[in-house]
Amino acid sequence: MAMNVHNLPIWSHTVVGAIKRTCTAQPGSEAAVHDPRWPRIVAALLALRSSGRHAVRIVDADCGAGTLLLHAMRHARQLGFTAVEGHGIDRSSLLIGRARLAARRAADPALGVDFEVADMVAAVRDEQDLPADIVICHDLERDRRPETARAVRNAGRIVIADDAACHVQGIAA
């Protein structure tokens, strides 16, 4: 079943019973929610959760300091995912070092995250055997190798890029 996350309603919070749950302020969360990809990330997480999923795997294929990935993972926990796995990839060892430091501060045993210094195409090719639920990518056009877009598309069922192009292979429970 294919699902277009552009047509899903966008919420910044959910209401469960009489309890209103919102994202708590975390370092970098302000930047994350102002990222143009954030509404599509929220919509994708909501669609997965409403389909009955309890676990989610998110790959950020140009994660920088990991701000958006970590915020998405915390938001997934707040939506009720019981297991959240994240994988951040970036070429900059300095930024990956910052991401690892930020991840250590997120002390939630249900969040499993790793950050890797790697070439994006090579790293996302490794993801193709077990595609992620959501792949976030940034500035895909900057990498002019013809295999980049194909590798990113094959790495996840939902791909969310800067340019509002969103590829969805389907969301299943």
C-alpha atoms as a PDB file:
ATOM      1  CA  MET A   1       0.000   0.000   0.000  1.00  0.00           C
ATOM      2  CA  ALA A   2       1.605   3.260  -1.079  1.00  0.00           C
ATOM      3  CA  MET A   3       1.037   6.335   1.021  1.00  0.00           C
ATOM      4  CA  ASN A   4       1.740   9.925   0.059  1.00  0.00           C
ATOM      5  CA  VAL A   5       2.916  11.738   3.175  1.00  0.00           C
ATOM      6  CA  HIS A   6       2.304  15.106   1.474  1.00  0.00           C
ATOM      7  CA  ASN A   7      -1.442  14.537   1.859  1.00  0.00           C
ATOM      8  CA  LEU A   8      -1.311  13.593   5.534  1.00  0.00           C
ATOM      9  CA  PRO A   9      -2.396  16.168   8.085  1.00  0.00           C
ATOM     10  CA  ILE A  10       0.466  17.822   9.943  1.00  0.00           C
ATOM     11  CA  TRP A  11       0.364  17.951  13.744  1.00  0.00           C
ATOM     12  CA  SER A  12       2.882  19.326  16.173  1.00  0.00           C
ATOM     13  CA  HIS A  13       1.265  17.390  19.025  1.00  0.00           C
ATOM     14  CA  THR A  14      -1.070  14.502  19.632  1.00  0.00           C
ATOM     15  CA  VAL A  15      -3.895  14.185  22.084  1.00  0.00           C
ATOM     16  CA  VAL A  16      -4.278  10.841  23.826  1.00  0.00           C
ATOM     17  CA  GLY A  17      -7.268  10.696  26.136  1.00  0.00           C
ATOM     18  CA  ALA A  18      -7.056  13.792  28.300  1.00  0.00           C
ATOM     19  CA  ILE A  19      -3.264  13.932  28.088  1.00  0.00           C
ATOM     20  CA  LYS A  20      -1.735  16.292  25.581  1.00  0.00           C
ATOM     21  CA  ARG A  21       1.766  15.229  24.570  1.00  0.00           C
ATOM     22  CA  THR A  22       4.121  17.606  22.833  1.00  0.00           C
ATOM     23  CA  CYS A  23       7.808  17.591  22.008  1.00  0.00           C
ATOM     24  CA  THR A  24       9.807  18.786  24.961  1.00  0.00           C
ATOM     25  CA  ALA A  25      12.491  21.355  24.309  1.00  0.00           C
ATOM     26  CA  GLN A  26      15.843  19.714  23.769  1.00  0.00           C
ATOM     27  CA  PRO A  27      19.115  21.231  22.617  1.00  0.00           C
ATOM     28  CA  GLY A  28      18.789  21.794  18.890  1.00  0.00           C
ATOM     29  CA  SER A  29      15.057  21.083  18.825  1.00  0.00           C
ATOM     30  CA  GLU A  30      14.287  24.639  17.715  1.00  0.00           C
ATOM     31  CA  ALA A  31      16.424  24.135  14.613  1.00  0.00           C
ATOM     32  CA  ALA A  32      14.842  20.738  13.977  1.00  0.00           C
ATOM     33  CA  VAL A  33      11.234  21.934  14.006  1.00  0.00           C
ATOM     34  CA  HIS A  34      12.108  24.804  11.667  1.00  0.00           C
ATOM     35  CA  ASP A  35      13.730  22.436   9.188  1.00  0.00           C
ATOM     36  CA  PRO A  36      11.543  22.287   6.041  1.00  0.00           C
ATOM     37  CA  ARG A  37      11.550  18.476   6.262  1.00  0.00           C
ATOM     38  CA  TRP A  38      10.156  18.394   9.822  1.00  0.00           C
ATOM     39  CA  PRO A  39       6.414  18.406   8.944  1.00  0.00           C
ATOM     40  CA  ARG A  40       6.955  15.470   6.560  1.00  0.00           C
ATOM     41  CA  ILE A  41       8.944  13.600   9.205  1.00  0.00           C
ATOM     42  CA  VAL A  42       6.121  14.108  11.714  1.00  0.00           C
ATOM     43  CA  ALA A  43       3.524  12.997   9.149  1.00  0.00           C
ATOM     44  CA  ALA A  44       5.511   9.863   8.311  1.00  0.00           C
ATOM     45  CA  LEU A  45       5.951   8.963  11.992  1.00  0.00           C
ATOM     46  CA  LEU A  46       2.231   9.489  12.627  1.00  0.00           C
ATOM     47  CA  ALA A  47       1.318   7.331   9.631  1.00  0.00           C
ATOM     48  CA  LEU A  48       3.601   4.524  10.797  1.00  0.00           C
ATOM     49  CA  ARG A  49       2.297   4.727  14.358  1.00  0.00           C
ATOM     50  CA  SER A  50      -1.352   4.817  13.295  1.00  0.00           C
ATOM     51  CA  SER A  51      -0.748   1.712  11.177  1.00  0.00           C
ATOM     52  CA  GLY A  52       0.059  -0.130  14.405  1.00  0.00           C
ATOM     53  CA  ARG A  53       3.839   0.021  14.329  1.00  0.00           C
ATOM     54  CA  HIS A  54       5.666  -0.041  17.664  1.00  0.00           C
ATOM     55  CA  ALA A  55       9.211   0.158  16.312  1.00  0.00           C
ATOM     56  CA  VAL A  56      10.740   2.516  13.797  1.00  0.00           C
ATOM     57  CA  ARG A  57      14.119   2.795  12.098  1.00  0.00           C
ATOM     58  CA  ILE A  58      15.296   6.176  10.811  1.00  0.00           C
ATOM     59  CA  VAL A  59      18.422   6.875   8.734  1.00  0.00           C
ATOM     60  CA  ASP A  60      19.744  10.418   8.283  1.00  0.00           C
ATOM     61  CA  ALA A  61      22.000  10.371   5.231  1.00  0.00           C
ATOM     62  CA  ASP A  62      23.857  13.669   5.759  1.00  0.00           C
ATOM     63  CA  CYS A  63      23.115  14.150   9.419  1.00  0.00           C
ATOM     64  CA  GLY A  64      25.585  16.879  10.295  1.00  0.00           C
ATOM     65  CA  ALA A  65      25.577  17.186  14.103  1.00  0.00           C
ATOM     66  CA  GLY A  66      22.578  14.837  14.352  1.00  0.00           C
ATOM     67  CA  THR A  67      20.068  17.447  15.519  1.00  0.00           C
ATOM     68  CA  LEU A  68      17.214  16.470  13.188  1.00  0.00           C
ATOM     69  CA  LEU A  69      17.702  12.715  13.637  1.00  0.00           C
ATOM     70  CA  LEU A  70      17.810  12.911  17.429  1.00  0.00           C
ATOM     71  CA  HIS A  71      14.760  15.156  17.532  1.00  0.00           C
ATOM     72  CA  ALA A  72      12.846  12.789  15.229  1.00  0.00           C
ATOM     73  CA  MET A  73      13.780   9.866  17.469  1.00  0.00           C
ATOM     74  CA  ARG A  74      12.588  11.662  20.620  1.00  0.00           C
ATOM     75  CA  HIS A  75       9.374  12.615  18.844  1.00  0.00           C
ATOM     76  CA  ALA A  76       8.847   8.986  17.825  1.00  0.00           C
ATOM     77  CA  ARG A  77       9.113   7.956  21.495  1.00  0.00           C
ATOM     78  CA  GLN A  78       6.570  10.595  22.448  1.00  0.00           C
ATOM     79  CA  LEU A  79       4.207   9.210  19.806  1.00  0.00           C
ATOM     80  CA  GLY A  80       4.377   5.827  21.532  1.00  0.00           C
ATOM     81  CA  PHE A  81       7.015   3.907  19.588  1.00  0.00           C
ATOM     82  CA  THR A  82       8.578   1.503  22.066  1.00  0.00           C
ATOM     83  CA  ALA A  83      11.771   0.937  20.093  1.00  0.00           C
ATOM     84  CA  VAL A  84      13.433   3.627  18.008  1.00  0.00           C
ATOM     85  CA  GLU A  85      16.616   3.016  16.050  1.00  0.00           C
ATOM     86  CA  GLY A  86      18.573   5.756  14.300  1.00  0.00           C
ATOM     87  CA  HIS A  87      21.611   5.775  12.062  1.00  0.00           C
ATOM     88  CA  GLY A  88      23.325   9.045  11.167  1.00  0.00           C
ATOM     89  CA  ILE A  89      25.822   9.304   8.327  1.00  0.00           C
ATOM     90  CA  ASP A  90      28.086  12.241   7.502  1.00  0.00           C
ATOM     91  CA  ARG A  91      31.494  12.800   5.925  1.00  0.00           C
ATOM     92  CA  SER A  92      32.627  15.208   8.649  1.00  0.00           C
ATOM     93  CA  SER A  93      34.299  13.576  11.628  1.00  0.00           C
ATOM     94  CA  LEU A  94      33.877  16.847  13.569  1.00  0.00           C
ATOM     95  CA  LEU A  95      30.098  16.857  13.052  1.00  0.00           C
ATOM     96  CA  ILE A  96      29.820  13.144  13.819  1.00  0.00           C
ATOM     97  CA  GLY A  97      31.722  13.781  17.053  1.00  0.00           C
ATOM     98  CA  ARG A  98      29.167  16.437  17.988  1.00  0.00           C
ATOM     99  CA  ALA A  99      26.313  14.079  17.080  1.00  0.00           C
ATOM    100  CA  ARG A 100      27.745  11.312  19.258  1.00  0.00           C
ATOM    101  CA  LEU A 101      28.063  13.727  22.166  1.00  0.00           C
ATOM    102  CA  ALA A 102      24.454  14.863  21.740  1.00  0.00           C
ATOM    103  CA  ALA A 103      23.305  11.228  21.542  1.00  0.00           C
ATOM    104  CA  ARG A 104      24.976  10.427  24.865  1.00  0.00           C
ATOM    105  CA  ARG A 105      22.823  13.130  26.460  1.00  0.00           C
ATOM    106  CA  ALA A 106      19.643  11.400  25.206  1.00  0.00           C
ATOM    107  CA  ALA A 107      19.515   8.806  27.966  1.00  0.00           C
ATOM    108  CA  ASP A 108      16.531   6.700  26.863  1.00  0.00           C
ATOM    109  CA  PRO A 109      17.118   2.937  26.620  1.00  0.00           C
ATOM    110  CA  ALA A 110      14.480   2.690  23.870  1.00  0.00           C
ATOM    111  CA  LEU A 111      16.580   4.940  21.625  1.00  0.00           C
ATOM    112  CA  GLY A 112      19.342   3.125  19.805  1.00  0.00           C
ATOM    113  CA  VAL A 113      21.446   5.445  17.706  1.00  0.00           C
ATOM    114  CA  ASP A 114      24.794   5.273  16.007  1.00  0.00           C
ATOM    115  CA  PHE A 115      26.651   7.859  13.990  1.00  0.00           C
ATOM    116  CA  GLU A 116      29.144   6.964  11.299  1.00  0.00           C
ATOM    117  CA  VAL A 117      31.751   8.914   9.357  1.00  0.00           C
ATOM    118  CA  ALA A 118      31.253   7.627   5.821  1.00  0.00           C
ATOM    119  CA  ASP A 119      30.515   8.437   2.237  1.00  0.00           C
ATOM    120  CA  MET A 120      26.730   8.746   1.962  1.00  0.00           C
ATOM    121  CA  VAL A 121      26.328   6.513  -1.111  1.00  0.00           C
ATOM    122  CA  ALA A 122      28.442   3.694   0.305  1.00  0.00           C
ATOM    123  CA  ALA A 123      26.706   3.867   3.683  1.00  0.00           C
ATOM    124  CA  VAL A 124      23.147   3.916   2.342  1.00  0.00           C
ATOM    125  CA  ARG A 125      23.949   1.028   0.011  1.00  0.00           C
ATOM    126  CA  ASP A 126      24.618  -0.986   3.165  1.00  0.00           C
ATOM    127  CA  GLU A 127      21.089  -0.080   4.321  1.00  0.00           C
ATOM    128  CA  GLN A 128      19.434  -1.620   1.244  1.00  0.00           C
ATOM    129  CA  ASP A 129      19.381  -5.171   2.596  1.00  0.00           C
ATOM    130  CA  LEU A 130      17.104  -4.100   5.442  1.00  0.00           C
ATOM    131  CA  PRO A 131      15.590  -0.761   4.345  1.00  0.00           C
ATOM    132  CA  ALA A 132      14.818   1.805   7.016  1.00  0.00           C
ATOM    133  CA  ASP A 133      11.297   3.009   7.621  1.00  0.00           C
ATOM    134  CA  ILE A 134      12.338   6.619   7.012  1.00  0.00           C
ATOM    135  CA  VAL A 135      15.423   8.016   5.274  1.00  0.00           C
ATOM    136  CA  ILE A 136      16.126  11.711   5.715  1.00  0.00           C
ATOM    137  CA  CYS A 137      18.533  13.311   3.270  1.00  0.00           C
ATOM    138  CA  HIS A 138      19.866  16.798   2.810  1.00  0.00           C
ATOM    139  CA  ASP A 139      21.078  18.577  -0.290  1.00  0.00           C
ATOM    140  CA  LEU A 140      20.809  15.511  -2.495  1.00  0.00           C
ATOM    141  CA  GLU A 141      21.452  17.614  -5.596  1.00  0.00           C
ATOM    142  CA  ARG A 142      24.891  18.574  -4.286  1.00  0.00           C
ATOM    143  CA  ASP A 143      26.109  15.013  -4.774  1.00  0.00           C
ATOM    144  CA  ARG A 144      26.139  14.748  -8.556  1.00  0.00           C
ATOM    145  CA  ARG A 145      26.936  11.036  -8.748  1.00  0.00           C
ATOM    146  CA  PRO A 146      24.148   9.309 -10.721  1.00  0.00           C
ATOM    147  CA  GLU A 147      23.889   6.475  -8.194  1.00  0.00           C
ATOM    148  CA  THR A 148      23.215   8.784  -5.222  1.00  0.00           C
ATOM    149  CA  ALA A 149      19.459   9.247  -5.667  1.00  0.00           C
ATOM    150  CA  ARG A 150      18.965   5.550  -6.452  1.00  0.00           C
ATOM    151  CA  ALA A 151      20.972   4.458  -3.405  1.00  0.00           C
ATOM    152  CA  VAL A 152      18.990   6.787  -1.123  1.00  0.00           C
ATOM    153  CA  ARG A 153      15.636   5.657  -2.583  1.00  0.00           C
ATOM    154  CA  ASN A 154      16.542   1.996  -2.063  1.00  0.00           C
ATOM    155  CA  ALA A 155      17.674   2.580   1.520  1.00  0.00           C
ATOM    156  CA  GLY A 156      14.206   3.299   2.902  1.00  0.00           C
ATOM    157  CA  ARG A 157      10.503   2.986   2.366  1.00  0.00           C
ATOM    158  CA  ILE A 158       9.917   6.714   2.956  1.00  0.00           C
ATOM    159  CA  VAL A 159      12.549   9.159   1.735  1.00  0.00           C
ATOM    160  CA  ILE A 160      12.280  12.764   2.855  1.00  0.00           C
ATOM    161  CA  ALA A 161      14.527  15.267   1.088  1.00  0.00           C
ATOM    162  CA  ASP A 162      14.914  19.044   1.170  1.00  0.00           C
ATOM    163  CA  ASP A 163      13.207  19.614  -2.148  1.00  0.00           C
ATOM    164  CA  ALA A 164       9.801  18.309  -0.974  1.00  0.00           C
ATOM    165  CA  ALA A 165      10.195  15.338  -3.282  1.00  0.00           C
ATOM    166  CA  CYS A 166       9.113  12.377  -1.261  1.00  0.00           C
ATOM    167  CA  HIS A 167       9.374   8.795  -2.393  1.00  0.00           C
ATOM    168  CA  VAL A 168       7.167   6.308  -0.604  1.00  0.00           C
ATOM    169  CA  GLN A 169       7.276   2.562  -1.236  1.00  0.00           C
ATOM    170  CA  GLY A 170       4.536   1.892   1.277  1.00  0.00           C
ATOM    171  CA  ILE A 171       3.836   1.677   4.949  1.00  0.00           C
ATOM    172  CA  ALA A 172       2.921  -1.690   6.367  1.00  0.00           C
ATOM    173  CA  ALA A 173       2.196  -2.788   9.902  1.00  0.00           C
END
